[in-house]
């Protein structure tokens, strides 16, 4: 299945905020039901981390899940949530409900406004496929630059079967027309494990490895 380049409705600056919020409801539900959240929690807490940067934070459901787990374990954790859309950040701030351990900043993942090694771990969940290859390399290079311990990417895995599954979810369970359009398209824009590893090598990662996860997802990490 060839990767395609096409715009997702959620990336339109003129998108209706109410529909965008409903779209994130669908994404959060899919993350809970289909293994989007648990692998991030597992990988982050397998490493020493007190400062995390989340690139393309969306509604910040993943950062909120990380904080819940940190508190359950009695560990200190603070997270900076970065997104290039102020409309997205407004939704994330609202859902964070004033949690002081979450900080929000508008920025470009391909040109992060942070010094080298300023975070322990840098995560990017369901966002890499929004970038075309050259920009994806820039994002991965920046992730490696500011991550002291590890950069971690979690995304969809492109395949015909994954596309079929996304169409079923979009048609049967999605509440937003954005999800019905963007869900299957996200799979078509996603990278295969081999492609993701090549992007990371081009970004200067020393030992990138892409691991297939259940429900047509992948984890891209540098070494362990």
C-alpha atoms as a PDB file:
ATOM      1  CA  UNK A   1       0.000   0.000   0.000  1.00  0.00           C
ATOM      2  CA  UNK A   2       1.628   3.241  -1.148  1.00  0.00           C
ATOM      3  CA  UNK A   3       1.790   6.204   1.194  1.00  0.00           C
ATOM      4  CA  UNK A   4      -0.223   9.216   0.065  1.00  0.00           C
ATOM      5  CA  UNK A   5       0.153  12.925   0.809  1.00  0.00           C
ATOM      6  CA  UNK A   6      -3.179  14.585   1.527  1.00  0.00           C
ATOM      7  CA  UNK A   7      -4.489  17.103   4.024  1.00  0.00           C
ATOM      8  CA  UNK A   8      -6.492  16.005   7.042  1.00  0.00           C
ATOM      9  CA  UNK A   9      -9.480  18.131   8.017  1.00  0.00           C
ATOM     10  CA  UNK A  10      -8.259  18.509  11.596  1.00  0.00           C
ATOM     11  CA  UNK A  11      -5.164  20.336  10.302  1.00  0.00           C
ATOM     12  CA  UNK A  12      -7.228  23.066   8.628  1.00  0.00           C
ATOM     13  CA  UNK A  13      -6.704  26.324  10.564  1.00  0.00           C
ATOM     14  CA  UNK A  14     -10.361  27.170   9.910  1.00  0.00           C
ATOM     15  CA  UNK A  15     -11.698  23.936  11.433  1.00  0.00           C
ATOM     16  CA  UNK A  16     -14.744  24.366  13.668  1.00  0.00           C
ATOM     17  CA  UNK A  17     -13.569  24.135  17.323  1.00  0.00           C
ATOM     18  CA  UNK A  18     -16.630  22.134  18.390  1.00  0.00           C
ATOM     19  CA  UNK A  19     -16.036  19.555  15.647  1.00  0.00           C
ATOM     20  CA  UNK A  20     -12.343  19.440  16.517  1.00  0.00           C
ATOM     21  CA  UNK A  21     -13.263  18.649  20.127  1.00  0.00           C
ATOM     22  CA  UNK A  22     -15.572  15.833  18.973  1.00  0.00           C
ATOM     23  CA  UNK A  23     -12.756  14.531  16.786  1.00  0.00           C
ATOM     24  CA  UNK A  24     -10.497  14.373  19.836  1.00  0.00           C
ATOM     25  CA  UNK A  25     -13.234  12.522  21.730  1.00  0.00           C
ATOM     26  CA  UNK A  26     -13.016   9.846  19.022  1.00  0.00           C
ATOM     27  CA  UNK A  27      -9.205   9.780  19.154  1.00  0.00           C
ATOM     28  CA  UNK A  28      -9.164   9.483  22.940  1.00  0.00           C
ATOM     29  CA  UNK A  29     -11.674   6.634  22.772  1.00  0.00           C
ATOM     30  CA  UNK A  30      -9.561   4.814  20.180  1.00  0.00           C
ATOM     31  CA  UNK A  31      -6.449   5.305  22.316  1.00  0.00           C
ATOM     32  CA  UNK A  32      -8.187   3.780  25.333  1.00  0.00           C
ATOM     33  CA  UNK A  33      -9.752   0.860  23.473  1.00  0.00           C
ATOM     34  CA  UNK A  34      -7.075   0.030  20.923  1.00  0.00           C
ATOM     35  CA  UNK A  35      -3.742   0.286  22.651  1.00  0.00           C
ATOM     36  CA  UNK A  36      -2.791   3.875  22.038  1.00  0.00           C
ATOM     37  CA  UNK A  37      -2.192   4.827  25.657  1.00  0.00           C
ATOM     38  CA  UNK A  38      -0.761   1.749  27.400  1.00  0.00           C
ATOM     39  CA  UNK A  39       2.443   1.426  25.294  1.00  0.00           C
ATOM     40  CA  UNK A  40       3.357   5.059  25.931  1.00  0.00           C
ATOM     41  CA  UNK A  41       2.938   4.620  29.673  1.00  0.00           C
ATOM     42  CA  UNK A  42       4.961   1.403  29.608  1.00  0.00           C
ATOM     43  CA  UNK A  43       7.852   2.841  27.589  1.00  0.00           C
ATOM     44  CA  UNK A  44       8.091   6.106  29.506  1.00  0.00           C
ATOM     45  CA  UNK A  45       8.126   4.417  32.914  1.00  0.00           C
ATOM     46  CA  UNK A  46      10.719   1.889  31.779  1.00  0.00           C
ATOM     47  CA  UNK A  47      13.160   4.816  31.825  1.00  0.00           C
ATOM     48  CA  UNK A  48      14.225   7.437  34.379  1.00  0.00           C
ATOM     49  CA  UNK A  49      12.179  10.510  33.625  1.00  0.00           C
ATOM     50  CA  UNK A  50      11.007  13.600  35.477  1.00  0.00           C
ATOM     51  CA  UNK A  51      10.731  15.985  32.528  1.00  0.00           C
ATOM     52  CA  UNK A  52       8.826  14.957  29.397  1.00  0.00           C
ATOM     53  CA  UNK A  53       8.055  16.860  26.218  1.00  0.00           C
ATOM     54  CA  UNK A  54       5.062  15.699  24.177  1.00  0.00           C
ATOM     55  CA  UNK A  55       5.124  16.895  20.555  1.00  0.00           C
ATOM     56  CA  UNK A  56       1.802  17.217  18.750  1.00  0.00           C
ATOM     57  CA  UNK A  57      -0.017  16.829  22.041  1.00  0.00           C
ATOM     58  CA  UNK A  58      -3.559  16.958  20.657  1.00  0.00           C
ATOM     59  CA  UNK A  59      -6.064  16.956  23.503  1.00  0.00           C
ATOM     60  CA  UNK A  60      -3.282  15.872  25.922  1.00  0.00           C
ATOM     61  CA  UNK A  61      -4.938  12.564  26.791  1.00  0.00           C
ATOM     62  CA  UNK A  62      -1.541  10.833  26.709  1.00  0.00           C
ATOM     63  CA  UNK A  63       0.159  13.366  29.020  1.00  0.00           C
ATOM     64  CA  UNK A  64      -2.809  13.113  31.396  1.00  0.00           C
ATOM     65  CA  UNK A  65      -2.467   9.324  31.442  1.00  0.00           C
ATOM     66  CA  UNK A  66       1.273   9.621  32.140  1.00  0.00           C
ATOM     67  CA  UNK A  67       0.631  11.948  35.060  1.00  0.00           C
ATOM     68  CA  UNK A  68      -2.011   9.626  36.491  1.00  0.00           C
ATOM     69  CA  UNK A  69       0.462   6.748  36.377  1.00  0.00           C
ATOM     70  CA  UNK A  70       3.244   8.855  37.901  1.00  0.00           C
ATOM     71  CA  UNK A  71       1.001   9.768  40.817  1.00  0.00           C
ATOM     72  CA  UNK A  72      -0.038   6.162  41.259  1.00  0.00           C
ATOM     73  CA  UNK A  73       3.652   5.206  41.479  1.00  0.00           C
ATOM     74  CA  UNK A  74       4.603   8.162  43.638  1.00  0.00           C
ATOM     75  CA  UNK A  75       6.970   9.523  40.994  1.00  0.00           C
ATOM     76  CA  UNK A  76       7.608  13.152  40.118  1.00  0.00           C
ATOM     77  CA  UNK A  77       6.736  14.015  36.534  1.00  0.00           C
ATOM     78  CA  UNK A  78       6.203  17.266  34.680  1.00  0.00           C
ATOM     79  CA  UNK A  79       5.192  17.447  31.039  1.00  0.00           C
ATOM     80  CA  UNK A  80       5.377  20.186  28.434  1.00  0.00           C
ATOM     81  CA  UNK A  81       2.653  19.751  25.814  1.00  0.00           C
ATOM     82  CA  UNK A  82       3.555  21.282  22.458  1.00  0.00           C
ATOM     83  CA  UNK A  83       1.324  21.773  19.448  1.00  0.00           C
ATOM     84  CA  UNK A  84       1.422  24.179  16.527  1.00  0.00           C
ATOM     85  CA  UNK A  85      -2.340  24.820  16.664  1.00  0.00           C
ATOM     86  CA  UNK A  86      -3.727  27.252  19.203  1.00  0.00           C
ATOM     87  CA  UNK A  87      -7.195  25.720  18.705  1.00  0.00           C
ATOM     88  CA  UNK A  88      -5.822  22.313  19.683  1.00  0.00           C
ATOM     89  CA  UNK A  89      -4.001  23.762  22.690  1.00  0.00           C
ATOM     90  CA  UNK A  90      -7.223  25.423  23.859  1.00  0.00           C
ATOM     91  CA  UNK A  91      -8.907  22.007  23.959  1.00  0.00           C
ATOM     92  CA  UNK A  92      -5.918  20.462  25.737  1.00  0.00           C
ATOM     93  CA  UNK A  93      -5.810  23.216  28.367  1.00  0.00           C
ATOM     94  CA  UNK A  94      -9.524  22.847  29.027  1.00  0.00           C
ATOM     95  CA  UNK A  95      -9.253  19.087  29.506  1.00  0.00           C
ATOM     96  CA  UNK A  96      -6.198  19.445  31.742  1.00  0.00           C
ATOM     97  CA  UNK A  97      -8.425  21.280  34.229  1.00  0.00           C
ATOM     98  CA  UNK A  98      -5.630  23.454  35.580  1.00  0.00           C
ATOM     99  CA  UNK A  99      -3.214  20.616  36.419  1.00  0.00           C
ATOM    100  CA  UNK A 100       0.019  22.400  37.365  1.00  0.00           C
ATOM    101  CA  UNK A 101       2.172  19.470  36.186  1.00  0.00           C
ATOM    102  CA  UNK A 102       1.109  20.140  32.602  1.00  0.00           C
ATOM    103  CA  UNK A 103       2.492  23.121  30.706  1.00  0.00           C
ATOM    104  CA  UNK A 104       1.354  24.141  27.256  1.00  0.00           C
ATOM    105  CA  UNK A 105       3.287  25.872  24.532  1.00  0.00           C
ATOM    106  CA  UNK A 106       2.667  26.605  20.897  1.00  0.00           C
ATOM    107  CA  UNK A 107       5.533  25.564  18.689  1.00  0.00           C
ATOM    108  CA  UNK A 108       6.815  23.707  15.664  1.00  0.00           C
ATOM    109  CA  UNK A 109       8.073  20.167  16.213  1.00  0.00           C
ATOM    110  CA  UNK A 110      10.587  20.678  13.411  1.00  0.00           C
ATOM    111  CA  UNK A 111      12.172  23.673  15.209  1.00  0.00           C
ATOM    112  CA  UNK A 112      11.771  23.174  18.945  1.00  0.00           C
ATOM    113  CA  UNK A 113      12.285  26.261  21.134  1.00  0.00           C
ATOM    114  CA  UNK A 114      14.308  24.350  23.750  1.00  0.00           C
ATOM    115  CA  UNK A 115      18.036  23.818  24.453  1.00  0.00           C
ATOM    116  CA  UNK A 116      19.815  20.532  23.817  1.00  0.00           C
ATOM    117  CA  UNK A 117      19.013  17.696  26.273  1.00  0.00           C
ATOM    118  CA  UNK A 118      16.445  19.832  28.082  1.00  0.00           C
ATOM    119  CA  UNK A 119      14.029  16.904  28.623  1.00  0.00           C
ATOM    120  CA  UNK A 120      14.525  13.361  29.800  1.00  0.00           C
ATOM    121  CA  UNK A 121      12.086  11.856  27.301  1.00  0.00           C
ATOM    122  CA  UNK A 122      10.410  13.311  24.235  1.00  0.00           C
ATOM    123  CA  UNK A 123       7.242  11.629  22.992  1.00  0.00           C
ATOM    124  CA  UNK A 124       5.281  12.037  19.774  1.00  0.00           C
ATOM    125  CA  UNK A 125       1.999  10.124  19.567  1.00  0.00           C
ATOM    126  CA  UNK A 126      -0.194   9.902  16.463  1.00  0.00           C
ATOM    127  CA  UNK A 127       1.520  12.954  14.996  1.00  0.00           C
ATOM    128  CA  UNK A 128       4.442  11.780  12.855  1.00  0.00           C
ATOM    129  CA  UNK A 129       2.174  10.819   9.953  1.00  0.00           C
ATOM    130  CA  UNK A 130       1.039  14.446   9.728  1.00  0.00           C
ATOM    131  CA  UNK A 131       4.526  15.328   8.470  1.00  0.00           C
ATOM    132  CA  UNK A 132       5.837  14.611   4.996  1.00  0.00           C
ATOM    133  CA  UNK A 133       9.223  12.819   4.953  1.00  0.00           C
ATOM    134  CA  UNK A 134      11.537  15.841   4.928  1.00  0.00           C
ATOM    135  CA  UNK A 135       9.652  17.520   7.762  1.00  0.00           C
ATOM    136  CA  UNK A 136       9.351  14.205   9.624  1.00  0.00           C
ATOM    137  CA  UNK A 137      13.154  13.916   9.541  1.00  0.00           C
ATOM    138  CA  UNK A 138      13.404  17.428  10.970  1.00  0.00           C
ATOM    139  CA  UNK A 139      10.981  16.526  13.785  1.00  0.00           C
ATOM    140  CA  UNK A 140      12.903  13.348  14.610  1.00  0.00           C
ATOM    141  CA  UNK A 141      16.203  15.251  14.582  1.00  0.00           C
ATOM    142  CA  UNK A 142      14.783  17.793  17.015  1.00  0.00           C
ATOM    143  CA  UNK A 143      13.381  15.050  19.241  1.00  0.00           C
ATOM    144  CA  UNK A 144      16.816  13.427  19.451  1.00  0.00           C
ATOM    145  CA  UNK A 145      18.467  16.794  20.133  1.00  0.00           C
ATOM    146  CA  UNK A 146      16.339  17.758  23.140  1.00  0.00           C
ATOM    147  CA  UNK A 147      15.940  14.240  24.622  1.00  0.00           C
ATOM    148  CA  UNK A 148      18.551  13.420  27.242  1.00  0.00           C
ATOM    149  CA  UNK A 149      17.414   9.799  27.698  1.00  0.00           C
ATOM    150  CA  UNK A 150      15.209   8.828  24.751  1.00  0.00           C
ATOM    151  CA  UNK A 151      12.923   9.974  21.957  1.00  0.00           C
ATOM    152  CA  UNK A 152       9.807   7.804  21.580  1.00  0.00           C
ATOM    153  CA  UNK A 153       7.401   7.879  18.639  1.00  0.00           C
ATOM    154  CA  UNK A 154       4.057   6.079  18.660  1.00  0.00           C
ATOM    155  CA  UNK A 155       1.999   6.091  15.512  1.00  0.00           C
ATOM    156  CA  UNK A 156      -0.144   4.122  13.107  1.00  0.00           C
ATOM    157  CA  UNK A 157       1.259   1.402  10.836  1.00  0.00           C
ATOM    158  CA  UNK A 158       0.243   1.661   7.199  1.00  0.00           C
ATOM    159  CA  UNK A 159      -1.275  -1.449   5.598  1.00  0.00           C
ATOM    160  CA  UNK A 160      -4.384  -2.438   3.693  1.00  0.00           C
ATOM    161  CA  UNK A 161      -5.746  -4.257   6.726  1.00  0.00           C
ATOM    162  CA  UNK A 162      -5.122  -1.236   8.950  1.00  0.00           C
ATOM    163  CA  UNK A 163      -6.949   0.946   6.443  1.00  0.00           C
ATOM    164  CA  UNK A 164      -9.935  -1.394   6.492  1.00  0.00           C
ATOM    165  CA  UNK A 165      -9.987  -1.367  10.297  1.00  0.00           C
ATOM    166  CA  UNK A 166      -9.820   2.432  10.364  1.00  0.00           C
ATOM    167  CA  UNK A 167     -12.724   2.667   7.947  1.00  0.00           C
ATOM    168  CA  UNK A 168     -14.791   0.364  10.162  1.00  0.00           C
ATOM    169  CA  UNK A 169     -14.030   2.397  13.280  1.00  0.00           C
ATOM    170  CA  UNK A 170     -14.775   5.639  11.469  1.00  0.00           C
ATOM    171  CA  UNK A 171     -18.079   4.418  10.058  1.00  0.00           C
ATOM    172  CA  UNK A 172     -19.374   2.515  13.110  1.00  0.00           C
ATOM    173  CA  UNK A 173     -17.987   4.271  16.190  1.00  0.00           C
ATOM    174  CA  UNK A 174     -16.853   7.772  15.261  1.00  0.00           C
ATOM    175  CA  UNK A 175     -19.010  10.690  16.329  1.00  0.00           C
ATOM    176  CA  UNK A 176     -17.329  13.403  14.256  1.00  0.00           C
ATOM    177  CA  UNK A 177     -17.261  13.839  10.483  1.00  0.00           C
ATOM    178  CA  UNK A 178     -13.622  14.842  10.898  1.00  0.00           C
ATOM    179  CA  UNK A 179     -12.852  11.386  12.257  1.00  0.00           C
ATOM    180  CA  UNK A 180     -14.804   9.687   9.485  1.00  0.00           C
ATOM    181  CA  UNK A 181     -12.674  11.525   6.942  1.00  0.00           C
ATOM    182  CA  UNK A 182      -9.328  11.667   8.728  1.00  0.00           C
ATOM    183  CA  UNK A 183      -9.207   8.231  10.355  1.00  0.00           C
ATOM    184  CA  UNK A 184      -8.729   6.148   7.196  1.00  0.00           C
ATOM    185  CA  UNK A 185      -6.616   8.915   5.658  1.00  0.00           C
ATOM    186  CA  UNK A 186      -4.285   8.860   8.675  1.00  0.00           C
ATOM    187  CA  UNK A 187      -3.484   5.217   7.938  1.00  0.00           C
ATOM    188  CA  UNK A 188      -2.770   6.049   4.306  1.00  0.00           C
ATOM    189  CA  UNK A 189      -0.394   8.808   5.444  1.00  0.00           C
ATOM    190  CA  UNK A 190       1.319   6.661   8.084  1.00  0.00           C
ATOM    191  CA  UNK A 191       4.779   5.162   7.737  1.00  0.00           C
ATOM    192  CA  UNK A 192       5.700   1.493   7.754  1.00  0.00           C
ATOM    193  CA  UNK A 193       8.236   0.323  10.367  1.00  0.00           C
ATOM    194  CA  UNK A 194      10.985   0.209   7.734  1.00  0.00           C
ATOM    195  CA  UNK A 195      10.170   3.703   6.521  1.00  0.00           C
ATOM    196  CA  UNK A 196      10.111   5.024  10.091  1.00  0.00           C
ATOM    197  CA  UNK A 197      13.551   3.548  10.790  1.00  0.00           C
ATOM    198  CA  UNK A 198      14.938   5.128   7.609  1.00  0.00           C
ATOM    199  CA  UNK A 199      13.545   8.517   8.629  1.00  0.00           C
ATOM    200  CA  UNK A 200      15.161   8.207  12.057  1.00  0.00           C
ATOM    201  CA  UNK A 201      18.532   7.215  10.575  1.00  0.00           C
ATOM    202  CA  UNK A 202      18.375  10.246   8.305  1.00  0.00           C
ATOM    203  CA  UNK A 203      17.637  12.314  11.418  1.00  0.00           C
ATOM    204  CA  UNK A 204      20.818  11.101  13.105  1.00  0.00           C
ATOM    205  CA  UNK A 205      19.385   8.560  15.533  1.00  0.00           C
ATOM    206  CA  UNK A 206      22.164   6.153  16.478  1.00  0.00           C
ATOM    207  CA  UNK A 207      20.239   2.853  16.598  1.00  0.00           C
ATOM    208  CA  UNK A 208      16.606   3.346  15.568  1.00  0.00           C
ATOM    209  CA  UNK A 209      14.249   0.418  15.823  1.00  0.00           C
ATOM    210  CA  UNK A 210      10.568   0.280  14.900  1.00  0.00           C
ATOM    211  CA  UNK A 211       8.467  -2.262  16.778  1.00  0.00           C
ATOM    212  CA  UNK A 212       5.059  -3.409  15.579  1.00  0.00           C
ATOM    213  CA  UNK A 213       2.375  -2.963  18.236  1.00  0.00           C
ATOM    214  CA  UNK A 214      -1.161  -4.412  18.325  1.00  0.00           C
ATOM    215  CA  UNK A 215      -4.011  -2.677  16.553  1.00  0.00           C
ATOM    216  CA  UNK A 216      -1.843  -1.524  13.644  1.00  0.00           C
ATOM    217  CA  UNK A 217       0.399   0.775  15.644  1.00  0.00           C
ATOM    218  CA  UNK A 218       4.153   1.095  15.902  1.00  0.00           C
ATOM    219  CA  UNK A 219       6.779   2.255  18.342  1.00  0.00           C
ATOM    220  CA  UNK A 220       9.918   3.949  17.053  1.00  0.00           C
ATOM    221  CA  UNK A 221      12.763   4.279  19.564  1.00  0.00           C
ATOM    222  CA  UNK A 222      16.508   4.844  19.551  1.00  0.00           C
ATOM    223  CA  UNK A 223      18.134   1.696  20.936  1.00  0.00           C
ATOM    224  CA  UNK A 224      16.278   0.311  23.961  1.00  0.00           C
END
